[in-house]
Structures are given as structure tokens and as C-alpha cells.
């Protein structure tokens, strides 16, 4: 059965995050005008990386069940693609670190959060948060260049790990590529495969609209008449059966045929979406 490979230090899994850092990501997140899209993207990725590292930890030992990469993309001031990586010591050609290296690379920030005081009220306290990705936004959206870079890196990773659980690519973007049609490149990524199945390509499509969010559609007719929504839907993989079973157990509206695509997600839905994509694999080890 595909998507059932055991994940271990000898046979690791792989997460590759593609983060849009174009100028439009500076805009407000739909439904949460106090939050910019770039802040939501960075915060969600940081939270999920922290969750993955905790799932791989036993005491002080972080077990290298996963390789993780973060590719960011924008353009320079003259419009040329600027594809970078966010984790120290990595490059677009070799974007991955082991999860223990990811943990070591974190910086720690003190943040004020509100929590229950146990008496029906809220109290503001300081908590420490690990940070890997900083929010930034400028210029254009060379999504095709980012996907091409990701495809090459994933191909090389698969050559080295042919029997592993298939890599997962999780993109966070607010829409349209400025360097061509990204659909063929996304399909090229989804055609890559290990012995356990095809690469999974998931997309979180952020918006400034206050329209109702769309989560996990199974048919293109379910996505809104946004200029890029149908395109992003076609770029998204169907959830494998083990992921569907997990999501159903979590009470989420996912059925067989649902795709790893959310549109106009708020912060809670964005984190939940990333959690589904990563938890299904990290609960297998």
C-alpha cells in the first residue's frame, strides 16, 4: 500500500516549504485585517517546525526522522528571480537539514500571549518561541523559478532515499506567478516518486478577501472565481488514504478525493492545514 513506508533515521521523510515573499504578501490576511499575510505565513511555518521537532524528540534527543527545507522566493528590483533558502548552511540546490540541525538553527523570541487565568479571564504572559522564518515581502512572484528549484532538489533527495515516504511540498502563497504558468512545473513535482508513492504537493492560498474560506475541495467547481484559485487547485495533490483517515479522526471535512488546498485561510485554518500535511507522516515513525 502506498504512503505506508516506515519513517526512521535510516529511512527519513522530507518536508519542503515554498514561501512566497513577494510584495503582495505585505497585505492583510483575509478575515484578519490586523495580520499581514507574510506574518501569518512565517508564524505558521515556525509553529509547524516546532511541532515536528517535538514529535521527533525523546527527552533531550532529537531523532533525525525528517529532512526539512525552506525555499523562499521573490524578485530583485529589476524583476529577476530571487530564490533563496531560509535555513542556515543550505542553498537552493541543497535546501535540506536534518530535523536535529533544524532545531539547532532556531533563534528564540519572547512573545506576549494571552492565556486563561483559570477564572474565566485572560492573563498576558511571556513565552519563548523558536523562529526559523522571518516575515518579509517585496517585488514579484517568480513561482515557476521556485518550483523548478524545488523539483531539482527533490529529484536529488529521492535518488538518495528511493524507499522513503514520499516528500511533501507545502507552498504558502497569495496567488499568481509573475514568471509564467506554474501548473506544468507543479505536475512535474507531483510526478516524482519514491517506491512508496508520488511526491505530495499541498498549497495554502492566502487572500485579502473577506470571502468564506474554501478547505480541502475535491472538485474544481468548489473553488471560488478567483483568478488563480482554479490554477492552485490543479497544482494540489489529493490526500492519500492514510491522511484522509487521520483528518476524519480529527473531525475535519476531508473525504476521499479531497485535495491539499485551502483558500483564504485565517491563521487558525492555516496552521491546521500545515499540521494535517505534516502530522500524517510524522505519526508514522
C-alpha atoms as a PDB file:
ATOM      1  CA  UNK A   1       0.000   0.000   0.000  1.00  0.00           C
ATOM      2  CA  UNK A   2       1.456   3.415  -0.925  1.00  0.00           C
ATOM      3  CA  UNK A   3       2.191   6.082   1.685  1.00  0.00           C
ATOM      4  CA  UNK A   4       2.875   3.474   4.331  1.00  0.00           C
ATOM      5  CA  UNK A   5       6.682   3.354   4.481  1.00  0.00           C
ATOM      6  CA  UNK A   6       8.150   3.317   7.965  1.00  0.00           C
ATOM      7  CA  UNK A   7       9.976   6.520   8.795  1.00  0.00           C
ATOM      8  CA  UNK A   8      13.207   6.135  10.698  1.00  0.00           C
ATOM      9  CA  UNK A   9      16.650   7.668  10.984  1.00  0.00           C
ATOM     10  CA  UNK A  10      17.807   5.257   8.256  1.00  0.00           C
ATOM     11  CA  UNK A  11      14.769   5.956   6.094  1.00  0.00           C
ATOM     12  CA  UNK A  12      13.760   9.589   6.762  1.00  0.00           C
ATOM     13  CA  UNK A  13      10.843  11.593   5.481  1.00  0.00           C
ATOM     14  CA  UNK A  14      11.110  15.001   3.829  1.00  0.00           C
ATOM     15  CA  UNK A  15       9.270  18.314   4.107  1.00  0.00           C
ATOM     16  CA  UNK A  16       9.953  21.186   1.707  1.00  0.00           C
ATOM     17  CA  UNK A  17       8.232  24.520   2.357  1.00  0.00           C
ATOM     18  CA  UNK A  18       7.916  27.031  -0.501  1.00  0.00           C
ATOM     19  CA  UNK A  19       7.204  30.515   0.837  1.00  0.00           C
ATOM     20  CA  UNK A  20       6.046  33.423  -1.308  1.00  0.00           C
ATOM     21  CA  UNK A  21       7.808  36.623  -0.195  1.00  0.00           C
ATOM     22  CA  UNK A  22       6.506  38.887  -2.957  1.00  0.00           C
ATOM     23  CA  UNK A  23       5.294  42.424  -2.250  1.00  0.00           C
ATOM     24  CA  UNK A  24       1.619  41.457  -2.139  1.00  0.00           C
ATOM     25  CA  UNK A  25       2.301  39.282   0.917  1.00  0.00           C
ATOM     26  CA  UNK A  26       2.572  42.563   2.843  1.00  0.00           C
ATOM     27  CA  UNK A  27      -1.216  42.916   2.543  1.00  0.00           C
ATOM     28  CA  UNK A  28      -3.726  41.953   5.202  1.00  0.00           C
ATOM     29  CA  UNK A  29      -4.846  38.371   5.659  1.00  0.00           C
ATOM     30  CA  UNK A  30      -8.458  37.827   4.630  1.00  0.00           C
ATOM     31  CA  UNK A  31     -10.750  37.835   7.657  1.00  0.00           C
ATOM     32  CA  UNK A  32      -7.925  39.060   9.911  1.00  0.00           C
ATOM     33  CA  UNK A  33      -7.097  42.602   8.760  1.00  0.00           C
ATOM     34  CA  UNK A  34      -4.818  43.121  11.751  1.00  0.00           C
ATOM     35  CA  UNK A  35      -2.483  40.387  10.453  1.00  0.00           C
ATOM     36  CA  UNK A  36      -0.315  40.615   7.339  1.00  0.00           C
ATOM     37  CA  UNK A  37      -0.073  37.591   5.057  1.00  0.00           C
ATOM     38  CA  UNK A  38       3.703  37.464   5.402  1.00  0.00           C
ATOM     39  CA  UNK A  39       3.390  37.362   9.208  1.00  0.00           C
ATOM     40  CA  UNK A  40       0.795  34.593   9.054  1.00  0.00           C
ATOM     41  CA  UNK A  41       2.977  32.531   6.705  1.00  0.00           C
ATOM     42  CA  UNK A  42       6.110  32.870   8.832  1.00  0.00           C
ATOM     43  CA  UNK A  43       4.299  32.230  12.111  1.00  0.00           C
ATOM     44  CA  UNK A  44       2.509  29.155  10.753  1.00  0.00           C
ATOM     45  CA  UNK A  45       5.714  27.626   9.394  1.00  0.00           C
ATOM     46  CA  UNK A  46       7.563  28.310  12.645  1.00  0.00           C
ATOM     47  CA  UNK A  47       4.790  26.682  14.667  1.00  0.00           C
ATOM     48  CA  UNK A  48       4.750  23.590  12.471  1.00  0.00           C
ATOM     49  CA  UNK A  49       8.523  23.189  12.516  1.00  0.00           C
ATOM     50  CA  UNK A  50       8.373  23.367  16.306  1.00  0.00           C
ATOM     51  CA  UNK A  51       5.635  20.714  16.315  1.00  0.00           C
ATOM     52  CA  UNK A  52       7.623  18.421  14.003  1.00  0.00           C
ATOM     53  CA  UNK A  53      10.728  18.750  16.166  1.00  0.00           C
ATOM     54  CA  UNK A  54       8.725  17.898  19.284  1.00  0.00           C
ATOM     55  CA  UNK A  55       7.318  14.781  17.629  1.00  0.00           C
ATOM     56  CA  UNK A  56      10.883  13.698  16.874  1.00  0.00           C
ATOM     57  CA  UNK A  57      12.144  14.358  20.417  1.00  0.00           C
ATOM     58  CA  UNK A  58      12.595  11.905  23.217  1.00  0.00           C
ATOM     59  CA  UNK A  59      13.942  13.761  26.200  1.00  0.00           C
ATOM     60  CA  UNK A  60      16.897  15.826  25.016  1.00  0.00           C
ATOM     61  CA  UNK A  61      17.421  13.578  21.982  1.00  0.00           C
ATOM     62  CA  UNK A  62      16.044  14.841  18.658  1.00  0.00           C
ATOM     63  CA  UNK A  63      15.869  11.873  16.321  1.00  0.00           C
ATOM     64  CA  UNK A  64      16.516  12.573  12.653  1.00  0.00           C
ATOM     65  CA  UNK A  65      13.316  11.143  11.247  1.00  0.00           C
ATOM     66  CA  UNK A  66      12.970  14.049   8.795  1.00  0.00           C
ATOM     67  CA  UNK A  67      14.857  16.312   6.458  1.00  0.00           C
ATOM     68  CA  UNK A  68      13.408  19.821   6.185  1.00  0.00           C
ATOM     69  CA  UNK A  69      13.938  22.639   3.712  1.00  0.00           C
ATOM     70  CA  UNK A  70      12.527  26.157   3.328  1.00  0.00           C
ATOM     71  CA  UNK A  71      12.726  27.826  -0.075  1.00  0.00           C
ATOM     72  CA  UNK A  72      11.671  31.483  -0.305  1.00  0.00           C
ATOM     73  CA  UNK A  73      11.083  33.418  -3.482  1.00  0.00           C
ATOM     74  CA  UNK A  74      10.662  36.968  -4.711  1.00  0.00           C
ATOM     75  CA  UNK A  75      12.383  39.068  -7.389  1.00  0.00           C
ATOM     76  CA  UNK A  76      15.081  41.678  -7.201  1.00  0.00           C
ATOM     77  CA  UNK A  77      14.445  45.318  -8.050  1.00  0.00           C
ATOM     78  CA  UNK A  78      14.773  44.703 -11.805  1.00  0.00           C
ATOM     79  CA  UNK A  79      12.460  41.679 -11.830  1.00  0.00           C
ATOM     80  CA  UNK A  80      14.966  38.825 -11.882  1.00  0.00           C
ATOM     81  CA  UNK A  81      14.004  35.756  -9.783  1.00  0.00           C
ATOM     82  CA  UNK A  82      15.475  35.705  -6.298  1.00  0.00           C
ATOM     83  CA  UNK A  83      15.117  32.168  -4.935  1.00  0.00           C
ATOM     84  CA  UNK A  84      16.765  31.629  -1.562  1.00  0.00           C
ATOM     85  CA  UNK A  85      16.708  29.249   1.393  1.00  0.00           C
ATOM     86  CA  UNK A  86      15.858  30.204   4.963  1.00  0.00           C
ATOM     87  CA  UNK A  87      17.792  27.587   6.926  1.00  0.00           C
ATOM     88  CA  UNK A  88      21.455  28.381   7.653  1.00  0.00           C
ATOM     89  CA  UNK A  89      24.055  26.429   5.726  1.00  0.00           C
ATOM     90  CA  UNK A  90      21.632  25.484   2.967  1.00  0.00           C
ATOM     91  CA  UNK A  91      21.338  26.574  -0.656  1.00  0.00           C
ATOM     92  CA  UNK A  92      18.641  26.327  -3.354  1.00  0.00           C
ATOM     93  CA  UNK A  93      20.427  23.273  -4.773  1.00  0.00           C
ATOM     94  CA  UNK A  94      20.786  21.657  -1.328  1.00  0.00           C
ATOM     95  CA  UNK A  95      17.989  23.113   0.826  1.00  0.00           C
ATOM     96  CA  UNK A  96      17.658  20.355   3.429  1.00  0.00           C
ATOM     97  CA  UNK A  97      18.793  19.973   7.023  1.00  0.00           C
ATOM     98  CA  UNK A  98      18.059  17.070   9.345  1.00  0.00           C
ATOM     99  CA  UNK A  99      15.463  17.901  11.972  1.00  0.00           C
ATOM    100  CA  UNK A 100      18.104  17.982  14.721  1.00  0.00           C
ATOM    101  CA  UNK A 101      20.062  20.533  12.680  1.00  0.00           C
ATOM    102  CA  UNK A 102      16.847  22.496  12.215  1.00  0.00           C
ATOM    103  CA  UNK A 103      16.343  22.584  15.984  1.00  0.00           C
ATOM    104  CA  UNK A 104      19.908  23.806  16.499  1.00  0.00           C
ATOM    105  CA  UNK A 105      19.386  26.551  13.902  1.00  0.00           C
ATOM    106  CA  UNK A 106      16.411  28.157  15.674  1.00  0.00           C
ATOM    107  CA  UNK A 107      16.554  31.571  17.229  1.00  0.00           C
ATOM    108  CA  UNK A 108      14.300  32.189  20.220  1.00  0.00           C
ATOM    109  CA  UNK A 109      11.982  35.160  20.663  1.00  0.00           C
ATOM    110  CA  UNK A 110       9.995  36.266  23.704  1.00  0.00           C
ATOM    111  CA  UNK A 111       6.368  36.901  22.802  1.00  0.00           C
ATOM    112  CA  UNK A 112       3.409  38.160  24.774  1.00  0.00           C
ATOM    113  CA  UNK A 113       0.448  35.783  24.612  1.00  0.00           C
ATOM    114  CA  UNK A 114      -2.914  35.749  26.329  1.00  0.00           C
ATOM    115  CA  UNK A 115      -3.910  32.598  28.183  1.00  0.00           C
ATOM    116  CA  UNK A 116      -6.716  31.597  30.511  1.00  0.00           C
ATOM    117  CA  UNK A 117      -6.274  32.652  34.130  1.00  0.00           C
ATOM    118  CA  UNK A 118      -8.399  29.720  35.294  1.00  0.00           C
ATOM    119  CA  UNK A 119     -11.182  32.017  36.475  1.00  0.00           C
ATOM    120  CA  UNK A 120     -12.839  32.845  33.187  1.00  0.00           C
ATOM    121  CA  UNK A 121     -10.479  35.658  32.247  1.00  0.00           C
ATOM    122  CA  UNK A 122      -7.281  36.105  30.283  1.00  0.00           C
ATOM    123  CA  UNK A 123      -3.826  36.959  31.503  1.00  0.00           C
ATOM    124  CA  UNK A 124      -0.892  38.129  29.387  1.00  0.00           C
ATOM    125  CA  UNK A 125       2.292  36.138  29.858  1.00  0.00           C
ATOM    126  CA  UNK A 126       5.665  35.890  28.133  1.00  0.00           C
ATOM    127  CA  UNK A 127       6.518  32.690  26.281  1.00  0.00           C
ATOM    128  CA  UNK A 128       9.558  31.714  24.271  1.00  0.00           C
ATOM    129  CA  UNK A 129       9.018  30.811  20.609  1.00  0.00           C
ATOM    130  CA  UNK A 130      11.563  29.186  18.260  1.00  0.00           C
ATOM    131  CA  UNK A 131      11.893  31.050  14.972  1.00  0.00           C
ATOM    132  CA  UNK A 132      13.328  29.911  11.652  1.00  0.00           C
ATOM    133  CA  UNK A 133      11.482  32.031   9.109  1.00  0.00           C
ATOM    134  CA  UNK A 134      11.260  35.828   9.330  1.00  0.00           C
ATOM    135  CA  UNK A 135       8.449  37.695   7.537  1.00  0.00           C
ATOM    136  CA  UNK A 136       9.412  39.836   4.572  1.00  0.00           C
ATOM    137  CA  UNK A 137       7.739  40.954   1.345  1.00  0.00           C
ATOM    138  CA  UNK A 138       8.909  42.784  -1.773  1.00  0.00           C
ATOM    139  CA  UNK A 139       8.661  42.844  -5.577  1.00  0.00           C
ATOM    140  CA  UNK A 140       7.415  39.990  -7.796  1.00  0.00           C
ATOM    141  CA  UNK A 141       6.311  36.356  -7.574  1.00  0.00           C
ATOM    142  CA  UNK A 142       8.648  34.001  -9.511  1.00  0.00           C
ATOM    143  CA  UNK A 143       6.715  30.899  -8.552  1.00  0.00           C
ATOM    144  CA  UNK A 144       7.893  28.978 -11.603  1.00  0.00           C
ATOM    145  CA  UNK A 145      11.528  29.567 -10.654  1.00  0.00           C
ATOM    146  CA  UNK A 146      10.794  28.354  -7.120  1.00  0.00           C
ATOM    147  CA  UNK A 147       9.014  25.224  -8.349  1.00  0.00           C
ATOM    148  CA  UNK A 148      11.839  24.448 -10.770  1.00  0.00           C
ATOM    149  CA  UNK A 149      14.367  24.799  -7.939  1.00  0.00           C
ATOM    150  CA  UNK A 150      12.240  22.574  -5.724  1.00  0.00           C
ATOM    151  CA  UNK A 151      11.895  19.939  -8.427  1.00  0.00           C
ATOM    152  CA  UNK A 152      15.664  19.638  -8.864  1.00  0.00           C
ATOM    153  CA  UNK A 153      16.275  19.410  -5.108  1.00  0.00           C
ATOM    154  CA  UNK A 154      13.541  16.807  -4.641  1.00  0.00           C
ATOM    155  CA  UNK A 155      14.851  14.719  -7.530  1.00  0.00           C
ATOM    156  CA  UNK A 156      18.273  14.598  -5.891  1.00  0.00           C
ATOM    157  CA  UNK A 157      16.772  13.783  -2.482  1.00  0.00           C
ATOM    158  CA  UNK A 158      14.742  10.906  -3.949  1.00  0.00           C
ATOM    159  CA  UNK A 159      17.818   9.459  -5.660  1.00  0.00           C
ATOM    160  CA  UNK A 160      19.419   9.279  -2.220  1.00  0.00           C
ATOM    161  CA  UNK A 161      16.261   7.985  -0.473  1.00  0.00           C
ATOM    162  CA  UNK A 162      14.377   5.830  -3.004  1.00  0.00           C
ATOM    163  CA  UNK A 163      12.438   3.796  -0.423  1.00  0.00           C
ATOM    164  CA  UNK A 164      11.365   6.669   1.829  1.00  0.00           C
ATOM    165  CA  UNK A 165       7.886   8.001   2.468  1.00  0.00           C
ATOM    166  CA  UNK A 166       7.348  10.444  -0.417  1.00  0.00           C
ATOM    167  CA  UNK A 167       8.441  14.047   0.155  1.00  0.00           C
ATOM    168  CA  UNK A 168       5.812  16.640   0.918  1.00  0.00           C
ATOM    169  CA  UNK A 169       5.937  20.109  -0.625  1.00  0.00           C
ATOM    170  CA  UNK A 170       3.889  22.729   1.216  1.00  0.00           C
ATOM    171  CA  UNK A 171       3.506  26.097  -0.510  1.00  0.00           C
ATOM    172  CA  UNK A 172       2.203  29.254   1.129  1.00  0.00           C
ATOM    173  CA  UNK A 173       1.374  31.963  -1.404  1.00  0.00           C
ATOM    174  CA  UNK A 174      -1.223  34.577  -2.236  1.00  0.00           C
ATOM    175  CA  UNK A 175      -1.600  33.662  -5.851  1.00  0.00           C
ATOM    176  CA  UNK A 176      -0.310  34.419  -9.253  1.00  0.00           C
ATOM    177  CA  UNK A 177       3.108  33.688 -10.657  1.00  0.00           C
ATOM    178  CA  UNK A 178       4.796  36.561 -12.478  1.00  0.00           C
ATOM    179  CA  UNK A 179       7.116  34.293 -14.487  1.00  0.00           C
ATOM    180  CA  UNK A 180       4.784  32.007 -16.426  1.00  0.00           C
ATOM    181  CA  UNK A 181       2.345  29.153 -15.885  1.00  0.00           C
ATOM    182  CA  UNK A 182       3.282  27.165 -12.755  1.00  0.00           C
ATOM    183  CA  UNK A 183       0.872  24.262 -13.331  1.00  0.00           C
ATOM    184  CA  UNK A 184       3.177  22.106 -15.529  1.00  0.00           C
ATOM    185  CA  UNK A 185       6.021  22.541 -13.042  1.00  0.00           C
ATOM    186  CA  UNK A 186       3.787  21.562 -10.123  1.00  0.00           C
ATOM    187  CA  UNK A 187       2.671  18.478 -12.044  1.00  0.00           C
ATOM    188  CA  UNK A 188       6.319  17.671 -12.738  1.00  0.00           C
ATOM    189  CA  UNK A 189       6.910  17.706  -8.976  1.00  0.00           C
ATOM    190  CA  UNK A 190       3.859  15.524  -8.342  1.00  0.00           C
ATOM    191  CA  UNK A 191       5.163  13.014 -10.913  1.00  0.00           C
ATOM    192  CA  UNK A 192       8.338  12.471  -8.896  1.00  0.00           C
ATOM    193  CA  UNK A 193       8.106   9.348  -6.766  1.00  0.00           C
ATOM    194  CA  UNK A 194       9.781   7.065  -4.297  1.00  0.00           C
ATOM    195  CA  UNK A 195       8.982   3.373  -4.078  1.00  0.00           C
ATOM    196  CA  UNK A 196       6.208   4.357  -1.649  1.00  0.00           C
ATOM    197  CA  UNK A 197       4.315   6.807  -3.867  1.00  0.00           C
ATOM    198  CA  UNK A 198       4.346  10.170  -5.610  1.00  0.00           C
ATOM    199  CA  UNK A 199       5.508  13.441  -4.108  1.00  0.00           C
ATOM    200  CA  UNK A 200       2.652  15.279  -2.387  1.00  0.00           C
ATOM    201  CA  UNK A 201       2.185  18.941  -3.319  1.00  0.00           C
ATOM    202  CA  UNK A 202      -0.037  20.981  -0.991  1.00  0.00           C
ATOM    203  CA  UNK A 203      -0.995  24.654  -1.342  1.00  0.00           C
ATOM    204  CA  UNK A 204      -2.178  27.260   1.145  1.00  0.00           C
ATOM    205  CA  UNK A 205      -3.588  30.092  -0.971  1.00  0.00           C
ATOM    206  CA  UNK A 206      -3.830  33.273   1.105  1.00  0.00           C
ATOM    207  CA  UNK A 207      -6.108  36.146   0.175  1.00  0.00           C
ATOM    208  CA  UNK A 208      -7.027  39.661   1.239  1.00  0.00           C
ATOM    209  CA  UNK A 209     -10.699  38.956   0.553  1.00  0.00           C
ATOM    210  CA  UNK A 210     -13.188  38.622   3.389  1.00  0.00           C
ATOM    211  CA  UNK A 211     -14.978  35.830   1.483  1.00  0.00           C
ATOM    212  CA  UNK A 212     -15.642  32.458   3.080  1.00  0.00           C
ATOM    213  CA  UNK A 213     -12.601  30.176   3.066  1.00  0.00           C
ATOM    214  CA  UNK A 214     -12.534  27.004   0.997  1.00  0.00           C
ATOM    215  CA  UNK A 215     -10.866  23.994   2.588  1.00  0.00           C
ATOM    216  CA  UNK A 216      -9.893  20.669   1.006  1.00  0.00           C
ATOM    217  CA  UNK A 217     -12.067  20.763  -2.149  1.00  0.00           C
ATOM    218  CA  UNK A 218     -12.398  17.621  -4.244  1.00  0.00           C
ATOM    219  CA  UNK A 219     -13.647  19.302  -7.439  1.00  0.00           C
ATOM    220  CA  UNK A 220     -12.588  22.454  -9.252  1.00  0.00           C
ATOM    221  CA  UNK A 221     -16.177  23.727  -9.178  1.00  0.00           C
ATOM    222  CA  UNK A 222     -15.826  24.128  -5.404  1.00  0.00           C
ATOM    223  CA  UNK A 223     -13.121  26.787  -5.624  1.00  0.00           C
ATOM    224  CA  UNK A 224     -14.079  30.489  -5.850  1.00  0.00           C
ATOM    225  CA  UNK A 225     -13.918  32.535  -9.061  1.00  0.00           C
ATOM    226  CA  UNK A 226     -10.566  33.930  -8.019  1.00  0.00           C
ATOM    227  CA  UNK A 227      -8.194  34.468 -10.951  1.00  0.00           C
ATOM    228  CA  UNK A 228      -5.696  31.964  -9.595  1.00  0.00           C
ATOM    229  CA  UNK A 229      -7.784  29.609  -7.432  1.00  0.00           C
ATOM    230  CA  UNK A 230      -8.505  27.039 -10.159  1.00  0.00           C
ATOM    231  CA  UNK A 231      -4.836  27.070 -11.088  1.00  0.00           C
ATOM    232  CA  UNK A 232      -3.773  26.417  -7.497  1.00  0.00           C
ATOM    233  CA  UNK A 233      -6.358  23.635  -7.174  1.00  0.00           C
ATOM    234  CA  UNK A 234      -4.862  21.878 -10.195  1.00  0.00           C
ATOM    235  CA  UNK A 235      -1.428  22.187  -8.593  1.00  0.00           C
ATOM    236  CA  UNK A 236      -2.543  20.343  -5.448  1.00  0.00           C
ATOM    237  CA  UNK A 237      -2.310  16.612  -4.714  1.00  0.00           C
ATOM    238  CA  UNK A 238      -5.177  14.507  -3.476  1.00  0.00           C
ATOM    239  CA  UNK A 239      -4.737  13.482   0.135  1.00  0.00           C
ATOM    240  CA  UNK A 240      -3.621   9.828   0.356  1.00  0.00           C
ATOM    241  CA  UNK A 241      -5.936   7.448   2.201  1.00  0.00           C
ATOM    242  CA  UNK A 242      -3.870   7.463   5.433  1.00  0.00           C
ATOM    243  CA  UNK A 243      -4.110  11.266   5.533  1.00  0.00           C
ATOM    244  CA  UNK A 244      -7.858  11.143   4.902  1.00  0.00           C
ATOM    245  CA  UNK A 245      -8.282   8.659   7.754  1.00  0.00           C
ATOM    246  CA  UNK A 246      -6.247  10.875  10.082  1.00  0.00           C
ATOM    247  CA  UNK A 247      -8.198  14.008   9.141  1.00  0.00           C
ATOM    248  CA  UNK A 248     -11.554  12.287   9.589  1.00  0.00           C
ATOM    249  CA  UNK A 249     -10.414  11.218  13.046  1.00  0.00           C
ATOM    250  CA  UNK A 250      -9.654  14.884  13.780  1.00  0.00           C
ATOM    251  CA  UNK A 251     -13.181  15.841  12.739  1.00  0.00           C
ATOM    252  CA  UNK A 252     -12.095  17.726   9.622  1.00  0.00           C
ATOM    253  CA  UNK A 253     -14.195  17.979   6.424  1.00  0.00           C
ATOM    254  CA  UNK A 254     -11.949  15.780   4.303  1.00  0.00           C
ATOM    255  CA  UNK A 255     -13.163  12.896   2.161  1.00  0.00           C
ATOM    256  CA  UNK A 256     -11.619  10.632  -0.439  1.00  0.00           C
ATOM    257  CA  UNK A 257     -10.665  12.866  -3.362  1.00  0.00           C
ATOM    258  CA  UNK A 258     -10.096  15.976  -1.248  1.00  0.00           C
ATOM    259  CA  UNK A 259      -7.018  17.904  -2.285  1.00  0.00           C
ATOM    260  CA  UNK A 260      -4.364  19.517  -0.157  1.00  0.00           C
ATOM    261  CA  UNK A 261      -5.579  23.018  -0.934  1.00  0.00           C
ATOM    262  CA  UNK A 262      -7.037  25.779   1.213  1.00  0.00           C
ATOM    263  CA  UNK A 263      -8.140  29.196   0.011  1.00  0.00           C
ATOM    264  CA  UNK A 264      -8.473  32.359   2.094  1.00  0.00           C
ATOM    265  CA  UNK A 265      -7.493  30.558   5.289  1.00  0.00           C
ATOM    266  CA  UNK A 266      -7.303  32.502   8.522  1.00  0.00           C
ATOM    267  CA  UNK A 267      -4.419  31.896  10.911  1.00  0.00           C
ATOM    268  CA  UNK A 268      -6.116  29.013  12.708  1.00  0.00           C
ATOM    269  CA  UNK A 269      -7.049  27.252   9.468  1.00  0.00           C
ATOM    270  CA  UNK A 270      -3.575  27.847   8.031  1.00  0.00           C
ATOM    271  CA  UNK A 271      -1.843  26.205  10.988  1.00  0.00           C
ATOM    272  CA  UNK A 272      -4.376  23.376  10.931  1.00  0.00           C
ATOM    273  CA  UNK A 273      -3.725  22.799   7.235  1.00  0.00           C
ATOM    274  CA  UNK A 274       0.034  22.621   7.727  1.00  0.00           C
ATOM    275  CA  UNK A 275      -0.495  20.304  10.672  1.00  0.00           C
ATOM    276  CA  UNK A 276      -2.516  17.841   8.599  1.00  0.00           C
ATOM    277  CA  UNK A 277       0.135  17.738   5.901  1.00  0.00           C
ATOM    278  CA  UNK A 278       2.966  17.071   8.323  1.00  0.00           C
ATOM    279  CA  UNK A 279       1.299  15.045  11.054  1.00  0.00           C
ATOM    280  CA  UNK A 280       0.259  12.162   8.814  1.00  0.00           C
ATOM    281  CA  UNK A 281       3.885  11.430   8.057  1.00  0.00           C
ATOM    282  CA  UNK A 282       5.381  12.258  11.439  1.00  0.00           C
ATOM    283  CA  UNK A 283       2.890   9.992  13.210  1.00  0.00           C
ATOM    284  CA  UNK A 284       4.154   7.035  11.146  1.00  0.00           C
ATOM    285  CA  UNK A 285       7.594   6.664  12.727  1.00  0.00           C
END
